[in-house]
């Protein structure tokens, strides 16, 4: 009983509520993609369309990352909309091109390049994630730095991919859990890992790094 009395219930419930608000914001911001996916009979057959539409996830994820840093979700969403949409669109375009080349190379004399193409798809994904965490003006130098640091700290990038893979699997197989319970905690882990990855860029305020969990807006 003494142990139960010492539990920080206020912190637990406020964090759970903050995650729920973030999840609802993510669902609302990703609604076009979710509606298209729900009404698609064979989404895999139309994968280029869904990859292109996933560019809308850029502003949504940026809003979630902003909420973890202490800013309101929709304020960050509006502030970073253009930048994060550009990141999402560029990443989606690169993935479509690389994935198309991957499919064309399979079963041909060029099949030896497929592992490299698969790694490039992964690199695009982790680099885009790093750029969404950063708030600097986009430039080739920033993109190269984000890619380099994502490769240098590959173990964190792999961990992020594993977490996001679980999240995507849950969204597809158990939508209620995948959309309303997991996104906040999963993206917080990705955000925290990626902040550690990109600290050398110098764009993050070292003094504002959270040491006691997410700093959601209240």
N, C-alpha and C. Protein backbone atom coordinates (compact mmCIF):
# COMPACT_ATOMS: atom_id res chain seq x y z
N UNK A 1 0.82 -1.21 0.00
CA UNK A 1 0.00 0.00 0.00
C UNK A 1 0.86 1.26 0.00
N UNK A 2 1.96 1.21 0.75
CA UNK A 2 2.83 2.39 0.77
C UNK A 2 3.42 2.65 -0.62
N UNK A 3 3.74 1.56 -1.34
CA UNK A 3 4.28 1.72 -2.68
C UNK A 3 3.26 2.36 -3.60
N UNK A 4 2.00 1.94 -3.50
CA UNK A 4 0.95 2.52 -4.33
C UNK A 4 0.76 3.99 -4.00
N UNK A 5 0.89 4.33 -2.71
CA UNK A 5 0.69 5.72 -2.29
C UNK A 5 1.78 6.63 -2.83
N UNK A 6 2.95 6.05 -3.12
CA UNK A 6 4.06 6.87 -3.60
C UNK A 6 4.09 7.02 -5.11
N UNK A 7 3.24 6.28 -5.81
CA UNK A 7 3.24 6.37 -7.27
C UNK A 7 2.82 7.77 -7.72
N UNK A 8 3.52 8.35 -8.68
CA UNK A 8 3.18 9.71 -9.16
C UNK A 8 1.99 9.68 -10.12
N UNK A 9 0.79 9.51 -9.55
CA UNK A 9 -0.39 9.36 -10.39
C UNK A 9 -0.61 10.56 -11.30
N UNK A 10 -0.36 11.76 -10.79
CA UNK A 10 -0.56 12.96 -11.60
C UNK A 10 0.32 12.92 -12.85
N UNK A 11 1.58 12.53 -12.67
CA UNK A 11 2.49 12.45 -13.80
C UNK A 11 2.06 11.38 -14.78
N UNK A 12 1.64 10.22 -14.26
CA UNK A 12 1.22 9.11 -15.11
C UNK A 12 0.01 9.51 -15.95
N UNK A 13 -0.99 10.08 -15.30
CA UNK A 13 -2.21 10.43 -16.03
C UNK A 13 -2.00 11.60 -16.98
N UNK A 14 -1.19 12.57 -16.58
CA UNK A 14 -0.94 13.71 -17.46
C UNK A 14 -0.15 13.28 -18.70
N UNK A 15 0.79 12.35 -18.51
CA UNK A 15 1.55 11.85 -19.66
C UNK A 15 0.66 11.03 -20.59
N UNK A 16 -0.20 10.19 -19.99
CA UNK A 16 -1.13 9.39 -20.81
C UNK A 16 -2.07 10.30 -21.59
N UNK A 17 -2.54 11.36 -20.94
CA UNK A 17 -3.46 12.30 -21.60
C UNK A 17 -2.73 13.04 -22.72
N UNK A 18 -1.48 13.41 -22.47
CA UNK A 18 -0.70 14.10 -23.49
C UNK A 18 -0.46 13.20 -24.70
N UNK A 19 -0.15 11.94 -24.45
CA UNK A 19 0.02 11.00 -25.56
C UNK A 19 -1.29 10.85 -26.35
N UNK A 20 -2.41 10.79 -25.63
CA UNK A 20 -3.70 10.66 -26.32
C UNK A 20 -3.96 11.87 -27.21
N UNK A 21 -3.67 13.08 -26.71
CA UNK A 21 -3.85 14.28 -27.53
C UNK A 21 -2.96 14.25 -28.77
N UNK A 22 -1.74 13.79 -28.57
CA UNK A 22 -0.83 13.68 -29.72
C UNK A 22 -1.36 12.67 -30.73
N UNK A 23 -1.86 11.54 -30.24
CA UNK A 23 -2.41 10.52 -31.14
C UNK A 23 -3.58 11.05 -31.94
N UNK A 24 -4.46 11.79 -31.29
CA UNK A 24 -5.62 12.36 -31.99
C UNK A 24 -5.17 13.38 -33.03
N UNK A 25 -4.16 14.17 -32.69
CA UNK A 25 -3.63 15.12 -33.66
C UNK A 25 -3.03 14.42 -34.86
N UNK A 26 -2.31 13.34 -34.62
CA UNK A 26 -1.72 12.58 -35.72
C UNK A 26 -2.79 11.98 -36.63
N UNK A 27 -3.85 11.45 -36.02
CA UNK A 27 -4.93 10.87 -36.81
C UNK A 27 -5.60 11.95 -37.67
N UNK A 28 -5.87 13.10 -37.06
CA UNK A 28 -6.52 14.19 -37.80
C UNK A 28 -5.64 14.69 -38.94
N UNK A 29 -4.35 14.85 -38.68
CA UNK A 29 -3.44 15.37 -39.70
C UNK A 29 -3.20 14.35 -40.82
N UNK A 30 -3.37 13.07 -40.51
CA UNK A 30 -3.12 12.01 -41.50
C UNK A 30 -4.41 11.48 -42.12
N UNK A 31 -5.52 12.18 -41.90
CA UNK A 31 -6.82 11.67 -42.32
C UNK A 31 -6.91 11.36 -43.82
N UNK A 32 -6.38 12.22 -44.71
CA UNK A 32 -6.47 11.88 -46.15
C UNK A 32 -5.83 10.53 -46.47
N UNK A 33 -4.67 10.26 -45.88
CA UNK A 33 -3.99 8.99 -46.13
C UNK A 33 -4.79 7.83 -45.55
N UNK A 34 -5.33 8.01 -44.35
CA UNK A 34 -6.09 6.94 -43.70
C UNK A 34 -7.37 6.63 -44.47
N UNK A 35 -8.04 7.66 -44.97
CA UNK A 35 -9.28 7.44 -45.73
C UNK A 35 -8.97 6.72 -47.03
N UNK A 36 -7.92 7.15 -47.72
CA UNK A 36 -7.54 6.49 -48.98
C UNK A 36 -7.18 5.03 -48.74
N UNK A 37 -6.48 4.76 -47.65
CA UNK A 37 -6.09 3.39 -47.33
C UNK A 37 -7.31 2.54 -46.99
N UNK A 38 -8.27 3.12 -46.27
CA UNK A 38 -9.45 2.37 -45.86
C UNK A 38 -10.32 1.97 -47.04
N UNK A 39 -10.37 2.82 -48.07
CA UNK A 39 -11.23 2.56 -49.22
C UNK A 39 -10.49 1.90 -50.38
N UNK A 40 -9.24 1.52 -50.15
CA UNK A 40 -8.47 0.86 -51.21
C UNK A 40 -8.60 -0.65 -51.06
N UNK A 41 -9.00 -1.30 -52.12
CA UNK A 41 -9.13 -2.75 -52.07
C UNK A 41 -7.80 -3.46 -52.03
N UNK A 42 -6.84 -2.99 -52.81
CA UNK A 42 -5.51 -3.59 -52.86
C UNK A 42 -4.45 -2.49 -52.75
N UNK A 43 -4.15 -2.06 -51.51
CA UNK A 43 -3.18 -0.96 -51.35
C UNK A 43 -1.79 -1.28 -51.89
N UNK A 44 -1.40 -2.56 -51.83
CA UNK A 44 -0.07 -2.91 -52.34
C UNK A 44 0.04 -2.69 -53.84
N UNK A 45 -1.07 -2.89 -54.55
CA UNK A 45 -1.04 -2.68 -56.00
C UNK A 45 -0.89 -1.20 -56.35
N UNK A 46 -1.32 -0.34 -55.44
CA UNK A 46 -1.24 1.10 -55.67
C UNK A 46 -0.19 1.73 -54.76
N UNK A 47 0.89 1.00 -54.49
CA UNK A 47 1.88 1.48 -53.53
C UNK A 47 2.50 2.82 -53.90
N UNK A 48 2.74 3.14 -55.19
CA UNK A 48 3.32 4.47 -55.47
C UNK A 48 2.38 5.60 -55.04
N UNK A 49 1.08 5.40 -55.21
CA UNK A 49 0.12 6.42 -54.80
C UNK A 49 0.18 6.65 -53.30
N UNK A 50 0.23 5.55 -52.54
CA UNK A 50 0.24 5.69 -51.08
C UNK A 50 1.57 6.23 -50.57
N UNK A 51 2.66 5.88 -51.22
CA UNK A 51 3.94 6.46 -50.83
C UNK A 51 3.93 7.97 -51.08
N UNK A 52 3.38 8.38 -52.23
CA UNK A 52 3.30 9.82 -52.53
C UNK A 52 2.40 10.53 -51.52
N UNK A 53 1.27 9.91 -51.18
CA UNK A 53 0.35 10.53 -50.23
C UNK A 53 0.93 10.57 -48.83
N UNK A 54 1.88 9.68 -48.54
CA UNK A 54 2.49 9.67 -47.21
C UNK A 54 3.34 10.91 -46.95
N UNK A 55 3.54 11.75 -47.97
CA UNK A 55 4.23 13.03 -47.74
C UNK A 55 3.50 13.86 -46.69
N UNK A 56 2.18 13.64 -46.58
CA UNK A 56 1.38 14.36 -45.58
C UNK A 56 1.76 13.98 -44.15
N UNK A 57 2.45 12.86 -44.00
CA UNK A 57 2.88 12.46 -42.66
C UNK A 57 4.01 13.35 -42.15
N UNK A 58 4.70 14.04 -43.06
CA UNK A 58 5.78 14.93 -42.63
C UNK A 58 5.32 15.98 -41.64
N UNK A 59 4.32 16.81 -41.99
CA UNK A 59 3.82 17.79 -41.02
C UNK A 59 3.23 17.16 -39.78
N UNK A 60 2.57 16.00 -39.92
CA UNK A 60 1.97 15.34 -38.76
C UNK A 60 3.04 14.90 -37.77
N UNK A 61 4.09 14.27 -38.28
CA UNK A 61 5.18 13.83 -37.41
C UNK A 61 5.91 15.02 -36.81
N UNK A 62 6.08 16.08 -37.59
CA UNK A 62 6.72 17.29 -37.06
C UNK A 62 5.90 17.86 -35.91
N UNK A 63 4.58 17.84 -36.03
CA UNK A 63 3.72 18.31 -34.96
C UNK A 63 3.89 17.47 -33.70
N UNK A 64 3.99 16.15 -33.88
CA UNK A 64 4.20 15.27 -32.72
C UNK A 64 5.54 15.55 -32.08
N UNK A 65 6.58 15.69 -32.88
CA UNK A 65 7.91 15.97 -32.34
C UNK A 65 7.91 17.30 -31.58
N UNK A 66 7.19 18.29 -32.12
CA UNK A 66 7.10 19.57 -31.43
C UNK A 66 6.40 19.44 -30.09
N UNK A 67 5.36 18.61 -30.02
CA UNK A 67 4.65 18.43 -28.75
C UNK A 67 5.54 17.76 -27.71
N UNK A 68 6.42 16.86 -28.15
CA UNK A 68 7.33 16.23 -27.20
C UNK A 68 8.33 17.24 -26.64
N UNK A 69 8.63 18.27 -27.42
CA UNK A 69 9.57 19.30 -26.97
C UNK A 69 8.90 20.38 -26.15
N UNK A 70 7.57 20.30 -26.00
CA UNK A 70 6.86 21.25 -25.15
C UNK A 70 5.99 22.24 -25.87
N UNK A 71 5.92 22.19 -27.20
CA UNK A 71 5.08 23.11 -27.96
C UNK A 71 3.76 22.44 -28.32
N UNK A 72 2.67 23.20 -28.46
CA UNK A 72 1.40 22.60 -28.87
C UNK A 72 1.51 21.93 -30.23
N UNK A 73 0.84 20.81 -30.41
CA UNK A 73 0.90 20.03 -31.64
C UNK A 73 0.56 20.87 -32.85
N UNK A 74 -0.61 21.53 -32.81
CA UNK A 74 -1.07 22.25 -34.00
C UNK A 74 -0.27 23.51 -34.27
N UNK A 75 0.31 24.08 -33.23
CA UNK A 75 1.18 25.25 -33.45
C UNK A 75 2.42 24.84 -34.23
N UNK A 76 3.04 23.72 -33.83
CA UNK A 76 4.20 23.22 -34.55
C UNK A 76 3.82 22.77 -35.95
N UNK A 77 2.64 22.15 -36.05
CA UNK A 77 2.16 21.68 -37.36
C UNK A 77 2.06 22.83 -38.35
N UNK A 78 1.48 23.95 -37.91
CA UNK A 78 1.34 25.11 -38.80
C UNK A 78 2.68 25.77 -39.07
N UNK A 79 3.50 25.90 -38.04
CA UNK A 79 4.78 26.59 -38.18
C UNK A 79 5.72 25.85 -39.14
N UNK A 80 5.74 24.53 -39.06
CA UNK A 80 6.69 23.74 -39.84
C UNK A 80 6.03 23.06 -41.04
N UNK A 81 4.81 23.45 -41.38
CA UNK A 81 4.08 22.72 -42.41
C UNK A 81 4.84 22.69 -43.74
N UNK A 82 5.24 23.86 -44.23
CA UNK A 82 5.90 23.90 -45.53
C UNK A 82 7.20 23.13 -45.53
N UNK A 83 8.01 23.32 -44.49
CA UNK A 83 9.31 22.64 -44.42
C UNK A 83 9.13 21.13 -44.33
N UNK A 84 8.26 20.69 -43.42
CA UNK A 84 8.09 19.25 -43.21
C UNK A 84 7.39 18.58 -44.40
N UNK A 85 6.50 19.33 -45.08
CA UNK A 85 5.87 18.76 -46.28
C UNK A 85 6.90 18.58 -47.39
N UNK A 86 7.82 19.54 -47.50
CA UNK A 86 8.90 19.42 -48.50
C UNK A 86 9.78 18.20 -48.19
N UNK A 87 10.08 17.98 -46.92
CA UNK A 87 10.87 16.81 -46.54
C UNK A 87 10.11 15.53 -46.88
N UNK A 88 8.82 15.50 -46.52
CA UNK A 88 8.02 14.32 -46.80
C UNK A 88 7.89 14.05 -48.29
N UNK A 89 7.69 15.10 -49.08
CA UNK A 89 7.54 14.94 -50.52
C UNK A 89 8.84 14.46 -51.16
N UNK A 90 9.97 15.05 -50.75
CA UNK A 90 11.26 14.64 -51.31
C UNK A 90 11.57 13.19 -50.95
N UNK A 91 11.28 12.82 -49.70
CA UNK A 91 11.53 11.44 -49.28
C UNK A 91 10.63 10.47 -50.03
N UNK A 92 9.36 10.84 -50.20
CA UNK A 92 8.43 9.97 -50.93
C UNK A 92 8.87 9.78 -52.38
N UNK A 93 9.29 10.87 -53.02
CA UNK A 93 9.76 10.78 -54.40
C UNK A 93 10.98 9.87 -54.51
N UNK A 94 11.93 10.03 -53.58
CA UNK A 94 13.14 9.21 -53.61
C UNK A 94 12.81 7.73 -53.40
N UNK A 95 11.89 7.46 -52.48
CA UNK A 95 11.51 6.07 -52.21
C UNK A 95 10.83 5.45 -53.43
N UNK A 96 9.95 6.21 -54.09
CA UNK A 96 9.28 5.69 -55.29
C UNK A 96 10.29 5.34 -56.37
N UNK A 97 11.24 6.23 -56.59
CA UNK A 97 12.25 5.99 -57.63
C UNK A 97 13.11 4.77 -57.26
N UNK A 98 13.59 4.71 -56.03
CA UNK A 98 14.45 3.62 -55.62
C UNK A 98 13.70 2.28 -55.59
N UNK A 99 12.45 2.31 -55.11
CA UNK A 99 11.68 1.07 -55.06
C UNK A 99 11.34 0.57 -56.46
N UNK A 100 11.08 1.49 -57.37
CA UNK A 100 10.82 1.10 -58.76
C UNK A 100 12.05 0.47 -59.38
N UNK A 101 13.20 1.09 -59.16
CA UNK A 101 14.45 0.51 -59.66
C UNK A 101 14.70 -0.87 -59.03
N UNK A 102 14.37 -1.00 -57.76
CA UNK A 102 14.54 -2.28 -57.07
C UNK A 102 13.71 -3.37 -57.75
N UNK A 103 12.45 -3.07 -58.04
CA UNK A 103 11.58 -4.05 -58.68
C UNK A 103 12.05 -4.39 -60.09
N UNK A 104 12.52 -3.38 -60.81
CA UNK A 104 13.00 -3.63 -62.18
C UNK A 104 14.28 -4.46 -62.19
N UNK A 105 15.11 -4.30 -61.15
CA UNK A 105 16.39 -5.00 -61.11
C UNK A 105 16.25 -6.46 -60.69
N UNK A 106 15.16 -6.78 -59.99
CA UNK A 106 14.98 -8.16 -59.53
C UNK A 106 14.89 -9.12 -60.72
N UNK A 107 15.61 -10.22 -60.62
CA UNK A 107 15.56 -11.23 -61.66
C UNK A 107 16.25 -10.86 -62.95
N UNK A 108 17.08 -9.83 -62.92
CA UNK A 108 17.83 -9.38 -64.10
C UNK A 108 19.32 -9.40 -63.78
N UNK A 109 20.16 -9.20 -64.78
CA UNK A 109 21.61 -9.13 -64.49
C UNK A 109 21.97 -8.01 -63.51
N UNK A 110 21.06 -7.05 -63.32
CA UNK A 110 21.33 -5.94 -62.40
C UNK A 110 20.85 -6.25 -60.98
N UNK A 111 20.48 -7.49 -60.73
CA UNK A 111 19.97 -7.86 -59.41
C UNK A 111 20.98 -7.64 -58.29
N UNK A 112 22.26 -7.58 -58.64
CA UNK A 112 23.29 -7.39 -57.61
C UNK A 112 23.18 -6.03 -56.93
N UNK A 113 22.50 -5.07 -57.57
CA UNK A 113 22.40 -3.73 -56.97
C UNK A 113 21.22 -3.61 -56.02
N UNK A 114 20.38 -4.64 -55.94
CA UNK A 114 19.18 -4.53 -55.10
C UNK A 114 19.50 -4.31 -53.62
N UNK A 115 20.53 -4.94 -53.03
CA UNK A 115 20.84 -4.63 -51.62
C UNK A 115 21.19 -3.17 -51.41
N UNK A 116 21.94 -2.59 -52.36
CA UNK A 116 22.30 -1.18 -52.26
C UNK A 116 21.05 -0.30 -52.34
N UNK A 117 20.13 -0.65 -53.25
CA UNK A 117 18.90 0.13 -53.38
C UNK A 117 18.07 0.05 -52.12
N UNK A 118 18.01 -1.14 -51.51
CA UNK A 118 17.26 -1.30 -50.26
C UNK A 118 17.88 -0.45 -49.15
N UNK A 119 19.21 -0.43 -49.08
CA UNK A 119 19.88 0.39 -48.07
C UNK A 119 19.64 1.87 -48.32
N UNK A 120 19.58 2.27 -49.57
CA UNK A 120 19.31 3.68 -49.89
C UNK A 120 17.90 4.09 -49.46
N UNK A 121 16.94 3.18 -49.61
CA UNK A 121 15.57 3.46 -49.13
C UNK A 121 15.58 3.69 -47.62
N UNK A 122 16.30 2.82 -46.91
CA UNK A 122 16.42 2.97 -45.45
C UNK A 122 17.09 4.29 -45.10
N UNK A 123 18.15 4.64 -45.85
CA UNK A 123 18.87 5.89 -45.58
C UNK A 123 17.96 7.10 -45.80
N UNK A 124 17.15 7.06 -46.84
CA UNK A 124 16.19 8.15 -47.08
C UNK A 124 15.25 8.29 -45.91
N UNK A 125 14.77 7.17 -45.42
CA UNK A 125 13.81 7.19 -44.32
C UNK A 125 14.40 7.78 -43.05
N UNK A 126 15.59 7.31 -42.65
CA UNK A 126 16.17 7.79 -41.39
C UNK A 126 16.65 9.23 -41.53
N UNK A 127 17.10 9.62 -42.72
CA UNK A 127 17.52 11.01 -42.93
C UNK A 127 16.33 11.94 -42.84
N UNK A 128 15.20 11.57 -43.43
CA UNK A 128 14.00 12.39 -43.35
C UNK A 128 13.55 12.54 -41.90
N UNK A 129 13.64 11.46 -41.12
CA UNK A 129 13.28 11.53 -39.71
C UNK A 129 14.17 12.52 -38.96
N UNK A 130 15.47 12.46 -39.24
CA UNK A 130 16.41 13.39 -38.59
C UNK A 130 16.10 14.83 -38.97
N UNK A 131 15.76 15.07 -40.22
CA UNK A 131 15.46 16.43 -40.68
C UNK A 131 14.18 16.95 -40.03
N UNK A 132 13.23 16.06 -39.76
CA UNK A 132 11.99 16.49 -39.10
C UNK A 132 12.23 16.86 -37.64
N UNK A 133 13.22 16.24 -37.01
CA UNK A 133 13.56 16.59 -35.64
C UNK A 133 14.26 17.95 -35.60
N UNK A 134 15.14 18.18 -36.57
CA UNK A 134 15.83 19.46 -36.65
C UNK A 134 14.87 20.56 -37.11
N UNK A 135 15.21 21.80 -36.79
CA UNK A 135 14.35 22.92 -37.19
C UNK A 135 15.15 23.96 -37.97
N UNK A 136 16.27 23.54 -38.53
CA UNK A 136 17.11 24.47 -39.31
C UNK A 136 16.54 24.65 -40.72
N UNK A 137 17.01 25.70 -41.37
CA UNK A 137 16.64 25.90 -42.77
C UNK A 137 17.23 24.77 -43.60
N UNK A 138 16.41 24.22 -44.49
CA UNK A 138 16.85 23.09 -45.31
C UNK A 138 17.97 23.51 -46.25
N UNK A 139 18.98 22.69 -46.33
CA UNK A 139 20.10 22.91 -47.25
C UNK A 139 20.74 21.55 -47.51
N UNK A 140 21.52 21.49 -48.58
CA UNK A 140 22.21 20.24 -48.88
C UNK A 140 23.18 19.87 -47.77
N UNK A 141 23.78 20.86 -47.18
CA UNK A 141 24.72 20.60 -46.08
C UNK A 141 24.01 19.95 -44.90
N UNK A 142 22.82 20.44 -44.60
CA UNK A 142 22.05 19.87 -43.49
C UNK A 142 21.61 18.44 -43.82
N UNK A 143 21.20 18.21 -45.07
CA UNK A 143 20.77 16.87 -45.48
C UNK A 143 21.93 15.88 -45.36
N UNK A 144 23.10 16.29 -45.86
CA UNK A 144 24.28 15.42 -45.80
C UNK A 144 24.66 15.14 -44.35
N UNK A 145 24.60 16.17 -43.51
CA UNK A 145 24.95 15.99 -42.10
C UNK A 145 23.98 15.02 -41.42
N UNK A 146 22.68 15.18 -41.71
CA UNK A 146 21.68 14.29 -41.12
C UNK A 146 21.88 12.85 -41.58
N UNK A 147 22.19 12.67 -42.86
CA UNK A 147 22.43 11.32 -43.39
C UNK A 147 23.67 10.71 -42.76
N UNK A 148 24.75 11.50 -42.68
CA UNK A 148 26.00 11.00 -42.12
C UNK A 148 25.83 10.57 -40.67
N UNK A 149 25.16 11.41 -39.87
CA UNK A 149 24.98 11.08 -38.46
C UNK A 149 24.05 9.90 -38.26
N UNK A 150 23.07 9.76 -39.15
CA UNK A 150 22.16 8.60 -39.06
C UNK A 150 22.91 7.31 -39.34
N UNK A 151 23.87 7.36 -40.25
CA UNK A 151 24.68 6.17 -40.54
C UNK A 151 25.69 5.94 -39.42
N UNK A 152 26.29 7.01 -38.94
CA UNK A 152 27.31 6.89 -37.90
C UNK A 152 26.71 6.26 -36.63
N UNK A 153 25.50 6.67 -36.28
CA UNK A 153 24.83 6.08 -35.11
C UNK A 153 23.74 5.12 -35.61
N UNK A 154 24.19 4.15 -36.38
CA UNK A 154 23.28 3.23 -37.06
C UNK A 154 22.43 2.42 -36.10
N UNK A 155 22.96 2.14 -34.92
CA UNK A 155 22.21 1.32 -33.97
C UNK A 155 20.93 2.03 -33.51
N UNK A 156 20.99 3.35 -33.38
CA UNK A 156 19.79 4.10 -33.03
C UNK A 156 18.83 4.18 -34.22
N UNK A 157 19.39 4.30 -35.41
CA UNK A 157 18.55 4.31 -36.61
C UNK A 157 17.83 2.97 -36.77
N UNK A 158 18.54 1.88 -36.51
CA UNK A 158 17.92 0.56 -36.59
C UNK A 158 16.83 0.41 -35.54
N UNK A 159 17.09 0.92 -34.33
CA UNK A 159 16.08 0.87 -33.28
C UNK A 159 14.83 1.64 -33.69
N UNK A 160 15.04 2.82 -34.30
CA UNK A 160 13.90 3.61 -34.77
C UNK A 160 13.10 2.85 -35.83
N UNK A 161 13.80 2.21 -36.75
CA UNK A 161 13.11 1.45 -37.79
C UNK A 161 12.31 0.31 -37.19
N UNK A 162 12.86 -0.34 -36.17
CA UNK A 162 12.14 -1.43 -35.52
C UNK A 162 10.88 -0.91 -34.84
N UNK A 163 11.00 0.20 -34.14
CA UNK A 163 9.83 0.78 -33.46
C UNK A 163 8.77 1.19 -34.47
N UNK A 164 9.17 1.85 -35.54
CA UNK A 164 8.22 2.27 -36.57
C UNK A 164 7.62 1.08 -37.30
N UNK A 165 8.41 0.02 -37.48
CA UNK A 165 7.87 -1.19 -38.10
C UNK A 165 6.77 -1.80 -37.26
N UNK A 166 6.98 -1.84 -35.95
CA UNK A 166 5.94 -2.34 -35.04
C UNK A 166 4.70 -1.47 -35.11
N UNK A 167 4.91 -0.13 -35.15
CA UNK A 167 3.79 0.79 -35.22
C UNK A 167 2.99 0.60 -36.50
N UNK A 168 3.66 0.50 -37.63
CA UNK A 168 2.98 0.32 -38.92
C UNK A 168 2.23 -1.01 -38.93
N UNK A 169 2.86 -2.06 -38.39
CA UNK A 169 2.20 -3.35 -38.32
C UNK A 169 0.94 -3.30 -37.48
N UNK A 170 1.00 -2.55 -36.37
CA UNK A 170 -0.18 -2.43 -35.51
C UNK A 170 -1.28 -1.64 -36.20
N UNK A 171 -0.91 -0.59 -36.95
CA UNK A 171 -1.92 0.21 -37.66
C UNK A 171 -2.65 -0.65 -38.69
N UNK A 172 -1.91 -1.53 -39.37
CA UNK A 172 -2.50 -2.36 -40.42
C UNK A 172 -3.35 -3.48 -39.83
N UNK A 173 -2.86 -4.12 -38.77
CA UNK A 173 -3.55 -5.30 -38.24
C UNK A 173 -4.54 -4.97 -37.13
N UNK A 174 -4.23 -3.99 -36.29
CA UNK A 174 -5.09 -3.59 -35.18
C UNK A 174 -5.24 -2.07 -35.19
N UNK A 175 -6.07 -1.54 -36.09
CA UNK A 175 -6.15 -0.07 -36.26
C UNK A 175 -6.46 0.69 -34.98
N UNK A 176 -7.34 0.17 -34.14
CA UNK A 176 -7.70 0.90 -32.92
C UNK A 176 -6.47 1.11 -32.03
N UNK A 177 -5.69 0.05 -31.86
CA UNK A 177 -4.47 0.15 -31.05
C UNK A 177 -3.40 0.95 -31.78
N UNK A 178 -3.26 0.66 -33.08
CA UNK A 178 -2.21 1.30 -33.86
C UNK A 178 -2.41 2.79 -34.06
N UNK A 179 -3.66 3.26 -34.03
CA UNK A 179 -3.93 4.67 -34.27
C UNK A 179 -4.12 5.48 -33.00
N UNK A 180 -4.66 4.86 -31.95
CA UNK A 180 -5.04 5.64 -30.79
C UNK A 180 -4.22 5.36 -29.53
N UNK A 181 -3.38 4.33 -29.55
CA UNK A 181 -2.59 4.02 -28.37
C UNK A 181 -1.08 4.09 -28.61
N UNK A 182 -0.62 3.54 -29.71
CA UNK A 182 0.82 3.38 -29.92
C UNK A 182 1.56 4.58 -30.53
N UNK A 183 0.93 5.39 -31.40
CA UNK A 183 1.74 6.41 -32.10
C UNK A 183 2.52 7.34 -31.18
N UNK A 184 1.88 7.85 -30.13
CA UNK A 184 2.57 8.78 -29.23
C UNK A 184 3.80 8.18 -28.59
N UNK A 185 3.66 7.06 -27.86
CA UNK A 185 4.84 6.45 -27.24
C UNK A 185 5.90 6.03 -28.26
N UNK A 186 5.46 5.46 -29.40
CA UNK A 186 6.43 5.00 -30.40
C UNK A 186 7.20 6.18 -30.98
N UNK A 187 6.50 7.24 -31.34
CA UNK A 187 7.18 8.40 -31.93
C UNK A 187 8.03 9.13 -30.90
N UNK A 188 7.66 9.05 -29.62
CA UNK A 188 8.50 9.66 -28.60
C UNK A 188 9.86 8.95 -28.53
N UNK A 189 9.83 7.62 -28.61
CA UNK A 189 11.09 6.87 -28.63
C UNK A 189 11.93 7.26 -29.84
N UNK A 190 11.28 7.38 -31.00
CA UNK A 190 11.99 7.77 -32.22
C UNK A 190 12.55 9.17 -32.08
N UNK A 191 11.75 10.08 -31.54
CA UNK A 191 12.19 11.47 -31.34
C UNK A 191 13.39 11.54 -30.41
N UNK A 192 13.32 10.82 -29.29
CA UNK A 192 14.42 10.85 -28.31
C UNK A 192 15.69 10.26 -28.92
N UNK A 193 15.56 9.14 -29.61
CA UNK A 193 16.73 8.53 -30.26
C UNK A 193 17.33 9.46 -31.31
N UNK A 194 16.47 10.07 -32.11
CA UNK A 194 16.94 10.91 -33.20
C UNK A 194 17.58 12.19 -32.69
N UNK A 195 17.08 12.74 -31.61
CA UNK A 195 17.74 13.90 -31.01
C UNK A 195 19.17 13.56 -30.61
N UNK A 196 19.36 12.35 -30.10
CA UNK A 196 20.71 11.93 -29.74
C UNK A 196 21.56 11.78 -31.00
N UNK A 197 20.94 11.34 -32.08
CA UNK A 197 21.68 11.16 -33.33
C UNK A 197 22.17 12.49 -33.87
N UNK A 198 21.32 13.53 -33.82
CA UNK A 198 21.62 14.78 -34.52
C UNK A 198 22.20 15.86 -33.62
N UNK A 199 22.57 15.52 -32.40
CA UNK A 199 23.10 16.56 -31.51
C UNK A 199 24.34 17.23 -32.09
N UNK A 200 25.13 16.50 -32.86
CA UNK A 200 26.37 17.08 -33.42
C UNK A 200 26.08 18.13 -34.47
N UNK A 201 24.87 18.18 -35.00
CA UNK A 201 24.55 19.20 -36.00
C UNK A 201 24.59 20.58 -35.38
N UNK A 202 24.29 20.66 -34.08
CA UNK A 202 24.34 21.95 -33.40
C UNK A 202 23.05 22.73 -33.50
N UNK A 203 22.02 22.15 -34.13
CA UNK A 203 20.76 22.87 -34.27
C UNK A 203 19.87 22.71 -33.06
N UNK A 204 20.16 21.71 -32.24
CA UNK A 204 19.34 21.49 -31.06
C UNK A 204 19.90 22.27 -29.88
N UNK A 205 19.01 22.81 -29.10
CA UNK A 205 19.42 23.52 -27.90
C UNK A 205 19.73 22.48 -26.82
N UNK A 206 20.99 22.35 -26.48
CA UNK A 206 21.38 21.32 -25.55
C UNK A 206 20.71 21.51 -24.19
N UNK A 207 20.47 22.73 -23.82
CA UNK A 207 19.85 22.95 -22.53
C UNK A 207 18.40 22.59 -22.47
N UNK A 208 17.76 22.44 -23.62
CA UNK A 208 16.33 22.13 -23.64
C UNK A 208 16.06 20.65 -23.75
N UNK A 209 17.10 19.82 -23.77
CA UNK A 209 16.88 18.39 -23.91
C UNK A 209 16.18 17.86 -22.68
N UNK A 210 15.17 17.04 -22.89
CA UNK A 210 14.39 16.51 -21.78
C UNK A 210 15.17 15.45 -21.03
N UNK A 211 15.17 15.53 -19.71
CA UNK A 211 15.85 14.54 -18.89
C UNK A 211 14.88 13.70 -18.07
N UNK A 212 13.63 14.12 -18.05
CA UNK A 212 12.66 13.43 -17.20
C UNK A 212 11.44 13.02 -17.97
N UNK A 213 11.59 12.73 -19.26
CA UNK A 213 10.45 12.29 -20.03
C UNK A 213 9.95 13.38 -20.94
N UNK A 214 8.84 13.14 -21.65
CA UNK A 214 8.36 14.10 -22.63
C UNK A 214 7.90 15.40 -21.99
N UNK A 215 8.19 16.53 -22.64
CA UNK A 215 7.78 17.84 -22.17
C UNK A 215 6.60 18.31 -23.02
N UNK A 216 5.48 17.66 -22.84
CA UNK A 216 4.30 18.01 -23.63
C UNK A 216 3.77 19.38 -23.22
N UNK A 217 3.02 19.97 -24.16
CA UNK A 217 2.28 21.17 -23.78
C UNK A 217 1.17 20.78 -22.86
N UNK A 218 0.87 21.64 -21.92
CA UNK A 218 -0.18 21.35 -20.93
C UNK A 218 -1.50 21.98 -21.37
